[in-house]
Amino acid sequence: MTTSTPRAQVAPAPTVAHRVADRLLALVGDPGTATVPCRIDWAGPVDLPLRSEQAVQAACGIMQVHGRAAGRPTPLAVDYAGTVAGILAAQGVCAALLGRATGRDVARVRTSVGQAALFSVGQYLAAATAEGDEDDAPPAARREAPTDVGHRPFVSADGVSFELEALDAERWLGFWQRLGAPGAALSQGWRPFQQRFATATCLLPQALYRAVGAAPYAAIRTAAAQAGADVLPIGEDPGAGRPPPAWRLTPLDKATTGTPPAREAVPKPPGSGPAPLAGLRVVESTRRVQGPLAGHVLRLLGAQVVRVEPPGGDPMRGMPPMAGPTSARFRALNDGKQVVEADLTTGQGRRTVRELVAGADVFLHNWAPGKAARLGLDAADLSAVRPGLVHAWASGWGEALGQAPPVGTDFLVQAHSGLAAAVRPAHLPPAPSLMTLTDVLGGLLSAQAVLAGLLARERTGRAQRADSSLLSAAALVPRPRQRVRWGPWETPPATADGHLWLGETARAHPEQLGRVLGADAARCPDTAAARLRTGTSSAWAARFAEAGLTALPVGTDLARLAADPRFSAAVRHDAYARPLAPWEFL
């Protein structure tokens, strides 16, 4: 049976991705960027009819990861995948220019919003396809936490919604003990709180919510300060003030610079596309997600990356689930990098870093503010060792919150920047997504700042300091002036075996649902929802297509996604599943 293609299926261009790419390339300031055409598709190599941001989020895992805390797939109320695709496109263009500088024949670049979405859930994809169990919530916390509230912020007695960060158990205990929380709740809550960055869930004992709900925010701030933890109010305004610049390049003094080191031609492996950064060497000293992801991007573009880890290796290597002897999440960000162990608290460890940098083009770190200077490894120190070095700092806040800012982590940045308000609709209280949105954006933006620094070095011959932050990355996501309001079909309804994303026409004109679900269902969302639960997602998608409407099964199982042949050109699966490099250089 053949049916005509409905007008709603004609895909508009991924406007957000193009706008983000154009904005970033304008900041690069290199006229050569205009000579590298970049095509941004919706689906790319993913063999699915992806024609919008919501369709990409549904099919490629974003709705599943973001919705874990609520217990059901839920869209982000912003164009997140499109923003990631825009950064990837800008990276591809800059990398192509750098490749051309060494004679590589790169005519054009291609990426897609679908590949961007897969890249953004890379660590979750790895964890879902490795050994072990992702459910880190202790049974007692799971029993006590109600199932219908999803992720909700802490709220003080005087009504202030806030986000908490405590990077170790001692600070966690100190904070809650000062608020009088019961000891059993502290021990039950620590592990899910600590693991929320990795699992995108955080089921906490209700006793903790009661403890903060009994204290005014001033007392909560005092308790946090005394314990060494950090709290920040969650902003209601999705715009949240004037955004910081995406990155800042600072040319270093001529006295410490020279002609950029020559890059040797590196033959490409048979059957591979051009690796535009081949011949470049990056030294990174990073941890968690933001910094390692920046190094990962540069490695995928062809650079050799040497990772400096403490004696005994990065503790994150042992974080379950495992892919072989190493954490799957850690491998998703660090496979393919060389490793050198060095204790930076010692003179010998710092000499090791200087020796590595002496043969490098880039030094990348995401240390706390002031640490590079205290170690004698700041931009001026290292550019004296290696003329022409690009010294990149991937920070939390940059200079936006002064000399002693709160710890710069994903959820605090979401809370302060307005992103926590923008990602949720107006009928829900603002709360950070437990998917690490700004860590991913921050890592990508740091890599883009490095590429901009390398291009500036090519033009000027001067070493560059390239500073970016999670806060500046969060500001890249386009926001409405007011929080969005959702209709009854914006959250995918349940089916017999999963969930179904309804296309724009069906959501905007629910009366058309009657063509598939019956006239009574078109008039009553509850009746329609009940009827959808009687069939499978794929069966309903086929019936909607016969009626000329778009519907798409939601990817609710990342392990099944990785094994789906429709994703085989974008995802590789061996010891764990990982997205392939999201650029094509043609």
Protein backbone atom coordinates (compact mmCIF):
# COMPACT_ATOMS: atom_id res chain seq x y z
CA MET A 1 0.00 0.00 0.00
CA THR A 2 1.36 3.39 -0.92
CA THR A 3 0.50 6.62 0.77
CA SER A 4 1.36 10.18 -0.08
CA THR A 5 3.96 11.86 2.07
CA PRO A 6 2.22 14.39 4.33
CA ARG A 7 3.41 17.93 4.20
CA ALA A 8 4.43 17.72 7.88
CA GLN A 9 7.11 15.18 6.92
CA VAL A 10 9.00 17.66 4.75
CA ALA A 11 11.95 18.43 6.99
CA PRO A 12 12.93 22.02 7.65
CA ALA A 13 16.63 22.69 7.93
CA PRO A 14 18.15 22.21 11.43
CA THR A 15 18.12 25.96 11.99
CA VAL A 16 19.43 25.93 15.55
CA ALA A 17 22.47 23.86 14.57
CA HIS A 18 23.32 26.25 11.74
CA ARG A 19 22.91 29.30 13.96
CA VAL A 20 25.16 27.88 16.67
CA ALA A 21 27.80 26.91 14.11
CA ASP A 22 27.69 30.35 12.49
CA ARG A 23 28.00 32.06 15.85
CA LEU A 24 31.03 30.02 16.86
CA LEU A 25 32.75 30.37 13.51
CA ALA A 26 32.27 34.14 13.64
CA LEU A 27 34.12 34.10 16.98
CA VAL A 28 37.01 32.16 15.41
CA GLY A 29 37.68 35.16 13.21
CA ASP A 30 39.46 33.19 10.48
CA PRO A 31 38.34 34.11 6.95
CA GLY A 32 39.22 30.59 5.85
CA THR A 33 36.16 29.18 7.63
CA ALA A 34 34.01 30.54 4.79
CA THR A 35 35.87 28.27 2.34
CA VAL A 36 34.86 25.02 4.08
CA PRO A 37 31.25 24.12 3.30
CA CYS A 38 29.56 22.23 6.14
CA ARG A 39 26.36 20.29 5.71
CA ILE A 40 24.24 19.55 8.79
CA ASP A 41 21.61 16.86 8.28
CA TRP A 42 18.95 15.69 10.70
CA ALA A 43 19.65 11.94 10.66
CA GLY A 44 23.03 11.57 8.96
CA PRO A 45 23.91 7.85 8.85
CA VAL A 46 21.05 6.91 11.21
CA ASP A 47 18.49 5.06 9.10
CA LEU A 48 15.39 6.64 10.64
CA PRO A 49 13.02 9.43 9.51
CA LEU A 50 14.39 12.11 11.84
CA ARG A 51 13.08 15.52 10.84
CA SER A 52 13.01 17.58 14.02
CA GLU A 53 14.74 18.14 17.34
CA GLN A 54 12.05 16.18 19.21
CA ALA A 55 12.26 13.24 16.81
CA VAL A 56 16.03 13.09 17.30
CA GLN A 57 15.69 13.29 21.08
CA ALA A 58 13.11 10.47 20.96
CA ALA A 59 15.03 8.10 18.72
CA CYS A 60 18.62 8.69 19.85
CA GLY A 61 18.37 8.29 23.61
CA ILE A 62 18.09 11.83 24.96
CA MET A 63 14.48 11.47 26.07
CA GLN A 64 15.32 8.19 27.75
CA VAL A 65 18.33 9.54 29.69
CA HIS A 66 16.77 12.88 30.64
CA GLY A 67 13.56 11.10 31.65
CA ARG A 68 15.18 8.50 33.91
CA ALA A 69 14.69 10.66 36.99
CA ALA A 70 10.97 10.95 36.22
CA GLY A 71 10.58 7.27 35.40
CA ARG A 72 9.47 7.85 31.80
CA PRO A 73 11.06 9.25 28.61
CA THR A 74 10.78 13.02 28.63
CA PRO A 75 11.95 15.58 26.09
CA LEU A 76 14.23 18.45 26.96
CA ALA A 77 12.30 21.66 26.36
CA VAL A 78 15.28 23.16 24.48
CA ASP A 79 17.09 22.36 21.23
CA TYR A 80 19.91 20.51 22.92
CA ALA A 81 20.82 18.09 20.14
CA GLY A 82 20.77 20.95 17.65
CA THR A 83 23.13 22.95 19.85
CA VAL A 84 25.55 20.02 20.08
CA ALA A 85 25.37 19.59 16.29
CA GLY A 86 26.25 23.26 15.82
CA ILE A 87 29.37 22.90 17.95
CA LEU A 88 30.36 19.74 16.08
CA ALA A 89 29.93 21.54 12.77
CA ALA A 90 32.15 24.42 13.89
CA GLN A 91 34.75 21.92 15.08
CA GLY A 92 34.67 20.16 11.74
CA VAL A 93 35.23 23.37 9.81
CA CYS A 94 38.13 24.48 12.02
CA ALA A 95 39.71 21.02 11.93
CA ALA A 96 39.42 21.00 8.14
CA LEU A 97 41.30 24.30 7.95
CA LEU A 98 44.03 22.95 10.19
CA GLY A 99 44.22 19.85 7.99
CA ARG A 100 44.53 21.97 4.88
CA ALA A 101 47.48 23.76 6.48
CA THR A 102 49.42 20.49 6.30
CA GLY A 103 48.31 19.54 2.83
CA ARG A 104 45.32 17.34 3.61
CA ASP A 105 42.67 17.50 0.95
CA VAL A 106 39.51 18.36 2.87
CA ALA A 107 36.91 19.92 0.62
CA ARG A 108 33.87 19.89 2.89
CA VAL A 109 32.49 18.61 6.20
CA ARG A 110 29.26 16.85 7.12
CA THR A 111 27.60 16.07 10.46
CA SER A 112 24.06 15.63 11.73
CA VAL A 113 21.76 16.30 14.67
CA GLY A 114 21.25 12.55 15.10
CA GLN A 115 24.99 11.96 15.46
CA ALA A 116 25.15 14.87 17.90
CA ALA A 117 22.45 13.31 20.06
CA LEU A 118 24.24 9.96 20.14
CA PHE A 119 27.49 11.70 21.01
CA SER A 120 25.81 13.53 23.90
CA VAL A 121 24.65 10.25 25.48
CA GLY A 122 27.93 8.45 24.83
CA GLN A 123 28.78 7.63 28.45
CA TYR A 124 25.25 6.36 29.12
CA LEU A 125 25.37 4.24 25.97
CA ALA A 126 28.67 2.74 27.15
CA ALA A 127 27.26 1.96 30.60
CA ALA A 128 24.11 0.38 29.19
CA THR A 129 26.09 -2.05 27.05
CA ALA A 130 28.75 -3.04 29.60
CA GLU A 131 28.74 -5.49 32.49
CA GLY A 132 26.98 -4.69 35.77
CA ASP A 133 23.88 -2.89 36.99
CA GLU A 134 23.17 0.81 36.65
CA ASP A 135 20.57 0.89 39.45
CA ASP A 136 22.70 2.41 42.20
CA ALA A 137 19.89 3.42 44.56
CA PRO A 138 19.95 1.47 47.84
CA PRO A 139 16.76 -0.55 48.42
CA ALA A 140 15.74 1.51 51.47
CA ALA A 141 15.92 4.77 49.51
CA ARG A 142 14.02 3.16 46.63
CA ARG A 143 11.20 2.07 48.93
CA GLU A 144 10.85 5.42 50.65
CA ALA A 145 11.03 7.65 47.58
CA PRO A 146 7.62 8.12 45.94
CA THR A 147 7.53 7.05 42.30
CA ASP A 148 5.46 9.94 40.96
CA VAL A 149 7.60 12.97 41.82
CA GLY A 150 10.57 12.39 39.56
CA HIS A 151 13.60 14.57 40.15
CA ARG A 152 12.73 17.55 42.30
CA PRO A 153 14.91 20.24 43.80
CA PHE A 154 15.52 20.83 47.46
CA VAL A 155 13.25 23.57 48.84
CA SER A 156 13.99 25.51 52.03
CA ALA A 157 11.47 26.53 54.68
CA ASP A 158 11.22 29.99 53.14
CA GLY A 159 10.55 28.63 49.65
CA VAL A 160 13.98 28.84 48.02
CA SER A 161 14.64 26.04 45.52
CA PHE A 162 18.31 25.19 45.44
CA GLU A 163 20.89 22.74 44.17
CA LEU A 164 23.49 21.11 46.42
CA GLU A 165 27.00 19.94 45.60
CA ALA A 166 29.23 17.92 47.93
CA LEU A 167 32.14 16.20 46.24
CA ASP A 168 33.04 13.80 49.04
CA ALA A 169 31.29 11.91 51.82
CA GLU A 170 32.76 14.04 54.60
CA ARG A 171 31.22 17.23 53.21
CA TRP A 172 27.94 15.44 52.54
CA LEU A 173 27.75 14.19 56.11
CA GLY A 174 28.80 17.54 57.57
CA PHE A 175 26.09 19.41 55.67
CA TRP A 176 23.23 17.11 56.65
CA GLN A 177 24.35 16.67 60.23
CA ARG A 178 24.24 20.44 60.69
CA LEU A 179 20.63 20.37 59.50
CA GLY A 180 19.72 17.54 61.87
CA ALA A 181 18.97 14.88 59.24
CA PRO A 182 18.81 11.31 60.59
CA GLY A 183 21.98 9.26 60.18
CA ALA A 184 20.28 6.41 58.33
CA ALA A 185 19.11 8.81 55.62
CA LEU A 186 22.63 10.18 55.19
CA SER A 187 24.14 6.76 54.53
CA GLN A 188 21.26 5.75 52.25
CA GLY A 189 21.40 8.97 50.28
CA TRP A 190 25.13 9.37 49.67
CA ARG A 191 25.58 6.75 46.97
CA PRO A 192 22.66 7.79 44.70
CA PHE A 193 23.68 11.42 45.18
CA GLN A 194 27.30 10.68 44.33
CA GLN A 195 26.35 8.55 41.30
CA ARG A 196 23.73 10.89 39.83
CA PHE A 197 26.22 12.26 37.30
CA ALA A 198 26.69 8.76 35.92
CA THR A 199 23.21 7.28 36.26
CA ALA A 200 20.99 10.34 35.58
CA THR A 201 18.87 9.26 38.55
CA CYS A 202 18.89 10.29 42.21
CA LEU A 203 16.36 8.62 44.50
CA LEU A 204 16.96 10.19 47.91
CA PRO A 205 15.29 9.38 51.24
CA GLN A 206 12.42 11.75 51.96
CA ALA A 207 13.97 12.53 55.33
CA LEU A 208 16.55 14.67 53.53
CA TYR A 209 13.87 16.75 51.84
CA ARG A 210 12.17 17.18 55.20
CA ALA A 211 15.42 18.33 56.80
CA VAL A 212 16.00 21.15 54.30
CA GLY A 213 12.30 21.97 54.28
CA ALA A 214 12.52 22.77 57.99
CA ALA A 215 15.42 25.25 57.63
CA PRO A 216 15.50 28.75 56.10
CA TYR A 217 17.84 29.19 53.16
CA ALA A 218 20.22 31.38 55.18
CA ALA A 219 20.76 28.49 57.61
CA ILE A 220 21.23 26.09 54.70
CA ARG A 221 23.91 28.34 53.20
CA THR A 222 25.67 28.52 56.56
CA ALA A 223 25.58 24.73 56.96
CA ALA A 224 27.01 24.28 53.46
CA ALA A 225 29.80 26.79 54.05
CA GLN A 226 30.77 25.17 57.35
CA ALA A 227 30.79 21.70 55.79
CA GLY A 228 32.71 22.72 52.66
CA ALA A 229 29.72 22.00 50.41
CA ASP A 230 28.09 24.42 47.96
CA VAL A 231 24.48 25.46 47.41
CA LEU A 232 23.02 27.79 44.77
CA PRO A 233 19.44 28.91 44.19
CA ILE A 234 17.76 27.54 41.05
CA GLY A 235 16.88 30.46 38.83
CA GLU A 236 13.31 30.83 37.56
CA ASP A 237 14.41 32.89 34.53
CA PRO A 238 15.55 30.75 31.59
CA GLY A 239 17.55 33.70 30.26
CA ALA A 240 19.45 34.31 33.51
CA GLY A 241 21.25 37.52 32.62
CA ARG A 242 23.93 38.41 30.13
CA PRO A 243 25.75 35.32 28.83
CA PRO A 244 29.54 35.16 29.04
CA PRO A 245 31.60 34.89 25.83
CA ALA A 246 31.84 31.33 24.50
CA TRP A 247 35.61 31.35 25.01
CA ARG A 248 38.45 33.78 25.39
CA LEU A 249 41.72 33.62 23.48
CA THR A 250 44.63 35.50 24.98
CA PRO A 251 47.81 35.79 22.88
CA LEU A 252 50.84 35.41 25.11
CA ASP A 253 53.76 37.85 25.27
CA LYS A 254 56.10 37.82 22.31
CA ALA A 255 58.96 37.12 24.68
CA THR A 256 57.57 33.66 25.37
CA THR A 257 56.48 32.75 21.85
CA GLY A 258 58.00 31.79 18.57
CA THR A 259 57.19 30.23 15.26
CA PRO A 260 54.61 27.46 15.70
CA PRO A 261 56.20 24.02 15.66
CA ALA A 262 55.96 22.28 12.32
CA ARG A 263 53.56 19.36 12.00
CA GLU A 264 54.92 16.28 10.34
CA ALA A 265 52.85 14.66 7.63
CA VAL A 266 51.22 11.53 9.03
CA PRO A 267 50.03 8.92 6.52
CA LYS A 268 46.40 8.00 6.95
CA PRO A 269 45.47 4.37 7.52
CA PRO A 270 44.12 2.51 4.46
CA GLY A 271 40.41 2.99 3.98
CA SER A 272 40.08 5.87 6.43
CA GLY A 273 39.03 9.42 5.79
CA PRO A 274 41.40 12.30 6.37
CA ALA A 275 42.38 12.90 10.02
CA PRO A 276 42.75 16.67 9.99
CA LEU A 277 44.62 16.98 13.30
CA ALA A 278 47.10 14.17 12.59
CA GLY A 279 50.56 15.29 13.65
CA LEU A 280 49.28 17.41 16.54
CA ARG A 281 50.05 16.36 20.11
CA VAL A 282 47.84 17.15 23.11
CA VAL A 283 48.76 16.72 26.77
CA GLU A 284 45.76 16.69 29.11
CA SER A 285 45.44 16.61 32.89
CA THR A 286 41.70 16.33 33.43
CA ARG A 287 39.04 14.46 35.35
CA ARG A 288 35.28 13.72 35.37
CA VAL A 289 33.56 14.52 32.03
CA GLN A 290 34.22 18.02 30.68
CA GLY A 291 38.02 17.86 30.33
CA PRO A 292 38.30 14.22 29.21
CA LEU A 293 35.58 14.80 26.60
CA ALA A 294 37.52 17.74 25.16
CA GLY A 295 40.59 15.53 24.78
CA HIS A 296 38.41 12.76 23.33
CA VAL A 297 37.12 15.12 20.62
CA LEU A 298 40.65 16.19 19.67
CA ARG A 299 41.72 12.54 19.48
CA LEU A 300 38.78 11.65 17.23
CA LEU A 301 39.90 14.48 14.95
CA GLY A 302 43.32 12.84 14.64
CA ALA A 303 45.48 14.34 17.38
CA GLN A 304 47.72 12.22 19.57
CA VAL A 305 46.52 12.69 23.16
CA VAL A 306 48.68 11.95 26.21
CA ARG A 307 46.76 11.79 29.46
CA VAL A 308 48.46 12.63 32.78
CA GLU A 309 46.95 10.66 35.68
CA PRO A 310 47.91 10.40 39.37
CA PRO A 311 49.98 7.45 40.58
CA GLY A 312 47.81 4.35 40.44
CA GLY A 313 45.62 5.84 37.72
CA ASP A 314 42.44 7.91 37.70
CA PRO A 315 40.02 6.62 40.39
CA MET A 316 37.22 6.77 37.82
CA ARG A 317 38.79 3.77 36.06
CA GLY A 318 37.18 1.49 38.65
CA MET A 319 33.68 2.95 38.48
CA PRO A 320 31.12 0.29 37.46
CA PRO A 321 29.78 -0.92 35.14
CA MET A 322 32.97 -2.34 33.65
CA ALA A 323 34.05 -2.98 30.08
CA GLY A 324 36.89 -5.40 30.67
CA PRO A 325 39.10 -4.27 33.55
CA THR A 326 38.13 -0.59 33.16
CA SER A 327 34.98 1.45 33.70
CA ALA A 328 32.84 1.64 30.56
CA ARG A 329 32.07 5.31 31.23
CA PHE A 330 35.76 6.08 31.65
CA ARG A 331 36.62 4.23 28.46
CA ALA A 332 33.94 6.14 26.55
CA LEU A 333 35.88 9.34 27.22
CA ASN A 334 39.47 8.11 27.33
CA ASP A 335 40.05 5.10 25.09
CA GLY A 336 42.86 5.65 22.61
CA LYS A 337 44.80 8.08 24.78
CA GLN A 338 48.31 7.36 25.99
CA VAL A 339 48.71 7.51 29.79
CA VAL A 340 51.59 8.84 31.87
CA GLU A 341 51.33 8.78 35.67
CA ALA A 342 52.72 11.74 37.61
CA ASP A 343 52.21 13.13 41.11
CA LEU A 344 51.75 16.85 40.51
CA THR A 345 52.25 17.61 44.20
CA THR A 346 55.93 16.76 43.73
CA GLY A 347 58.66 18.51 41.80
CA GLN A 348 59.34 15.38 39.78
CA GLY A 349 55.67 15.13 38.77
CA ARG A 350 55.61 18.72 37.57
CA ARG A 351 58.88 18.17 35.67
CA THR A 352 57.21 15.22 33.95
CA VAL A 353 54.43 17.50 32.73
CA ARG A 354 56.91 20.08 31.45
CA GLU A 355 58.83 17.37 29.60
CA LEU A 356 55.63 16.17 27.95
CA VAL A 357 54.58 19.70 27.04
CA ALA A 358 57.98 20.38 25.46
CA GLY A 359 56.90 18.17 22.58
CA ALA A 360 53.22 19.17 22.48
CA ASP A 361 50.96 21.63 20.68
CA VAL A 362 48.22 21.79 23.32
CA PHE A 363 48.06 21.52 27.11
CA LEU A 364 44.52 20.98 28.39
CA HIS A 365 43.32 20.97 31.99
CA ASN A 366 40.14 21.49 34.01
CA TRP A 367 41.75 22.18 37.38
CA ALA A 368 40.24 24.39 40.05
CA PRO A 369 40.85 28.15 39.74
CA GLY A 370 44.42 29.10 40.60
CA LYS A 371 45.81 25.55 40.65
CA ALA A 372 47.79 25.92 37.42
CA ALA A 373 49.58 29.00 38.77
CA ARG A 374 50.28 27.34 42.13
CA LEU A 375 51.85 24.37 40.33
CA GLY A 376 53.93 26.56 38.04
CA LEU A 377 52.06 25.09 35.04
CA ASP A 378 50.09 28.13 33.93
CA ALA A 379 50.04 29.40 30.35
CA ALA A 380 53.03 31.70 30.75
CA ASP A 381 55.05 28.96 32.48
CA LEU A 382 54.43 26.34 29.83
CA SER A 383 54.65 28.57 26.76
CA ALA A 384 58.21 29.32 27.88
CA VAL A 385 58.83 25.57 27.70
CA ARG A 386 57.03 25.15 24.36
CA PRO A 387 56.81 28.23 22.12
CA GLY A 388 53.53 28.29 20.25
CA LEU A 389 51.66 26.21 22.85
CA VAL A 390 47.87 26.47 23.11
CA HIS A 391 47.13 26.34 26.85
CA ALA A 392 43.46 25.45 27.38
CA TRP A 393 41.55 25.76 30.65
CA ALA A 394 38.11 24.13 30.78
CA SER A 395 36.63 25.67 33.92
CA GLY A 396 33.26 25.68 35.64
CA TRP A 397 32.57 29.38 35.94
CA GLY A 398 35.46 31.16 34.24
CA GLU A 399 35.70 34.54 35.90
CA ALA A 400 31.94 35.09 36.17
CA LEU A 401 31.60 34.48 39.92
CA GLY A 402 34.81 36.04 41.19
CA GLN A 403 38.00 34.66 42.67
CA ALA A 404 36.37 32.13 45.03
CA PRO A 405 33.38 30.69 43.15
CA PRO A 406 31.35 27.65 44.16
CA VAL A 407 32.67 24.38 42.82
CA GLY A 408 32.00 24.41 39.08
CA THR A 409 29.95 21.29 38.39
CA ASP A 410 27.21 20.50 35.92
CA PHE A 411 24.12 20.76 38.10
CA LEU A 412 25.18 23.94 39.90
CA VAL A 413 25.85 25.57 36.53
CA GLN A 414 22.45 24.46 35.22
CA ALA A 415 20.82 25.94 38.33
CA HIS A 416 22.60 29.31 38.15
CA SER A 417 22.57 29.78 34.36
CA GLY A 418 18.84 29.40 33.83
CA LEU A 419 19.24 26.16 31.91
CA ALA A 420 17.50 24.28 34.75
CA ALA A 421 14.46 26.47 34.13
CA ALA A 422 14.66 26.24 30.35
CA VAL A 423 14.80 22.43 30.10
CA ARG A 424 11.51 21.90 31.92
CA PRO A 425 8.03 23.16 30.99
CA ALA A 426 6.29 25.88 32.97
CA HIS A 427 3.99 23.52 34.89
CA LEU A 428 6.99 21.85 36.59
CA PRO A 429 9.37 23.52 39.03
CA PRO A 430 12.78 24.37 37.54
CA ALA A 431 15.33 21.63 38.22
CA PRO A 432 18.58 20.60 36.55
CA SER A 433 18.42 17.68 34.19
CA LEU A 434 20.38 14.78 35.66
CA MET A 435 21.73 14.10 32.20
CA THR A 436 25.08 15.89 32.25
CA LEU A 437 24.09 18.60 29.78
CA THR A 438 26.71 21.23 30.52
CA ASP A 439 29.55 18.75 31.03
CA VAL A 440 29.03 17.55 27.46
CA LEU A 441 28.57 21.06 26.06
CA GLY A 442 31.54 22.27 28.10
CA GLY A 443 33.83 19.53 26.80
CA LEU A 444 32.79 20.21 23.23
CA LEU A 445 33.23 23.95 23.66
CA SER A 446 36.67 23.50 25.21
CA ALA A 447 37.75 21.45 22.19
CA GLN A 448 36.38 24.19 19.92
CA ALA A 449 38.33 26.82 21.86
CA VAL A 450 41.48 24.72 21.34
CA LEU A 451 40.82 24.60 17.59
CA ALA A 452 40.29 28.37 17.53
CA GLY A 453 43.57 28.77 19.43
CA LEU A 454 45.42 26.54 16.96
CA LEU A 455 44.08 28.55 14.03
CA ALA A 456 45.11 31.79 15.75
CA ARG A 457 48.56 30.30 16.23
CA GLU A 458 48.73 29.47 12.54
CA ARG A 459 47.89 33.07 11.66
CA THR A 460 50.04 34.88 14.22
CA GLY A 461 52.78 32.49 15.30
CA ARG A 462 51.97 33.30 18.91
CA ALA A 463 51.11 31.00 21.79
CA GLN A 464 47.49 31.21 22.92
CA ARG A 465 45.61 30.77 26.16
CA ALA A 466 42.12 29.38 25.43
CA ASP A 467 39.66 29.68 28.34
CA SER A 468 36.13 28.28 28.28
CA SER A 469 33.67 27.20 30.97
CA LEU A 470 30.58 25.18 31.72
CA LEU A 471 28.76 28.48 32.21
CA SER A 472 29.71 29.76 28.76
CA ALA A 473 28.72 26.40 27.28
CA ALA A 474 25.30 26.51 28.95
CA ALA A 475 24.72 29.93 27.39
CA LEU A 476 24.96 28.45 23.88
CA VAL A 477 21.61 26.68 24.24
CA PRO A 478 18.87 28.89 22.75
CA ARG A 479 16.28 29.82 25.37
CA PRO A 480 12.79 31.23 25.21
CA ARG A 481 12.18 34.45 27.12
CA GLN A 482 9.61 32.61 29.18
CA ARG A 483 9.40 28.95 30.08
CA VAL A 484 7.54 26.88 27.51
CA ARG A 485 4.06 25.53 28.08
CA TRP A 486 3.33 22.00 26.97
CA GLY A 487 0.14 20.46 25.71
CA PRO A 488 -1.00 16.99 26.79
CA TRP A 489 0.99 15.18 24.08
CA GLU A 490 4.45 16.72 24.47
CA THR A 491 5.52 13.90 26.78
CA PRO A 492 5.48 10.61 24.83
CA PRO A 493 2.49 8.45 25.81
CA ALA A 494 2.98 4.84 26.90
CA THR A 495 2.24 1.91 24.60
CA ALA A 496 2.10 -1.84 25.28
CA ASP A 497 5.87 -2.15 24.99
CA GLY A 498 7.30 1.34 25.38
CA HIS A 499 6.49 4.91 24.42
CA LEU A 500 5.52 6.74 21.24
CA TRP A 501 6.60 10.18 20.14
CA LEU A 502 3.90 11.96 18.14
CA GLY A 503 4.92 14.27 15.32
CA GLU A 504 4.26 17.98 15.23
CA THR A 505 0.98 17.75 13.32
CA ALA A 506 -0.52 15.21 15.73
CA ARG A 507 0.59 17.19 18.77
CA ALA A 508 -0.56 20.56 17.46
CA HIS A 509 -3.88 19.20 16.10
CA PRO A 510 -4.97 16.41 18.44
CA GLU A 511 -8.32 16.21 16.66
CA GLN A 512 -6.44 14.39 13.90
CA LEU A 513 -5.70 11.57 16.35
CA GLY A 514 -9.27 10.45 15.68
CA ARG A 515 -8.13 9.15 12.28
CA VAL A 516 -6.04 6.56 14.13
CA LEU A 517 -7.47 6.21 17.64
CA GLY A 518 -11.15 6.97 17.10
CA ALA A 519 -13.24 10.11 17.48
CA ASP A 520 -13.80 9.60 21.19
CA ALA A 521 -10.03 9.40 21.78
CA ALA A 522 -9.49 12.62 19.85
CA ARG A 523 -11.82 14.39 22.29
CA CYS A 524 -10.37 12.86 25.47
CA PRO A 525 -6.59 12.55 26.08
CA ASP A 526 -7.19 9.94 28.80
CA THR A 527 -9.13 7.74 26.36
CA ALA A 528 -6.43 8.17 23.72
CA ALA A 529 -3.70 7.28 26.21
CA ALA A 530 -5.57 4.15 27.29
CA ARG A 531 -6.06 3.06 23.69
CA LEU A 532 -2.36 3.52 22.87
CA ARG A 533 -1.47 1.13 25.69
CA THR A 534 -3.27 -1.67 23.83
CA GLY A 535 -0.72 -1.88 20.99
CA THR A 536 3.02 -1.82 20.46
CA SER A 537 4.97 1.30 19.56
CA SER A 538 5.94 -0.01 16.12
CA ALA A 539 2.38 -1.07 15.31
CA TRP A 540 1.02 2.35 16.24
CA ALA A 541 3.77 4.10 14.27
CA ALA A 542 2.74 2.13 11.19
CA ARG A 543 -0.94 3.03 11.68
CA PHE A 544 -0.11 6.70 12.10
CA ALA A 545 1.93 6.58 8.88
CA GLU A 546 -1.03 5.05 7.02
CA ALA A 547 -3.09 8.01 8.20
CA GLY A 548 -0.48 10.47 6.96
CA LEU A 549 0.75 11.38 10.43
CA THR A 550 4.22 11.04 11.90
CA ALA A 551 4.87 8.95 15.00
CA LEU A 552 8.09 7.33 16.14
CA PRO A 553 8.86 4.69 18.78
CA VAL A 554 10.95 6.22 21.55
CA GLY A 555 14.35 4.67 22.18
CA THR A 556 13.84 3.54 25.77
CA ASP A 557 16.58 0.88 25.88
CA LEU A 558 20.09 2.07 25.02
CA ALA A 559 21.40 -1.49 24.76
CA ARG A 560 18.78 -2.30 22.12
CA LEU A 561 19.57 0.96 20.35
CA ALA A 562 23.23 -0.05 20.11
CA ALA A 563 22.25 -3.40 18.55
CA ASP A 564 19.70 -1.89 16.14
CA PRO A 565 21.00 -2.17 12.55
CA ARG A 566 19.51 1.23 11.77
CA PHE A 567 22.20 2.75 14.02
CA SER A 568 25.05 0.53 12.77
CA ALA A 569 26.66 3.27 10.67
CA ALA A 570 26.77 5.62 13.68
CA VAL A 571 27.50 3.32 16.64
CA ARG A 572 30.19 0.67 17.15
CA HIS A 573 29.65 -2.13 19.66
CA ASP A 574 32.41 -4.38 21.01
CA ALA A 575 33.28 -4.41 24.74
CA TYR A 576 30.88 -1.48 25.00
CA ALA A 577 28.91 0.63 22.55
CA ARG A 578 30.20 4.03 21.51
CA PRO A 579 29.24 6.60 18.88
CA LEU A 580 31.58 6.79 15.92
CA ALA A 581 33.28 10.08 15.11
CA PRO A 582 30.42 12.48 14.25
CA TRP A 583 32.10 14.17 11.28
CA GLU A 584 32.69 13.19 7.69
CA PHE A 585 35.58 14.96 5.98
CA LEU A 586 35.10 14.75 2.24
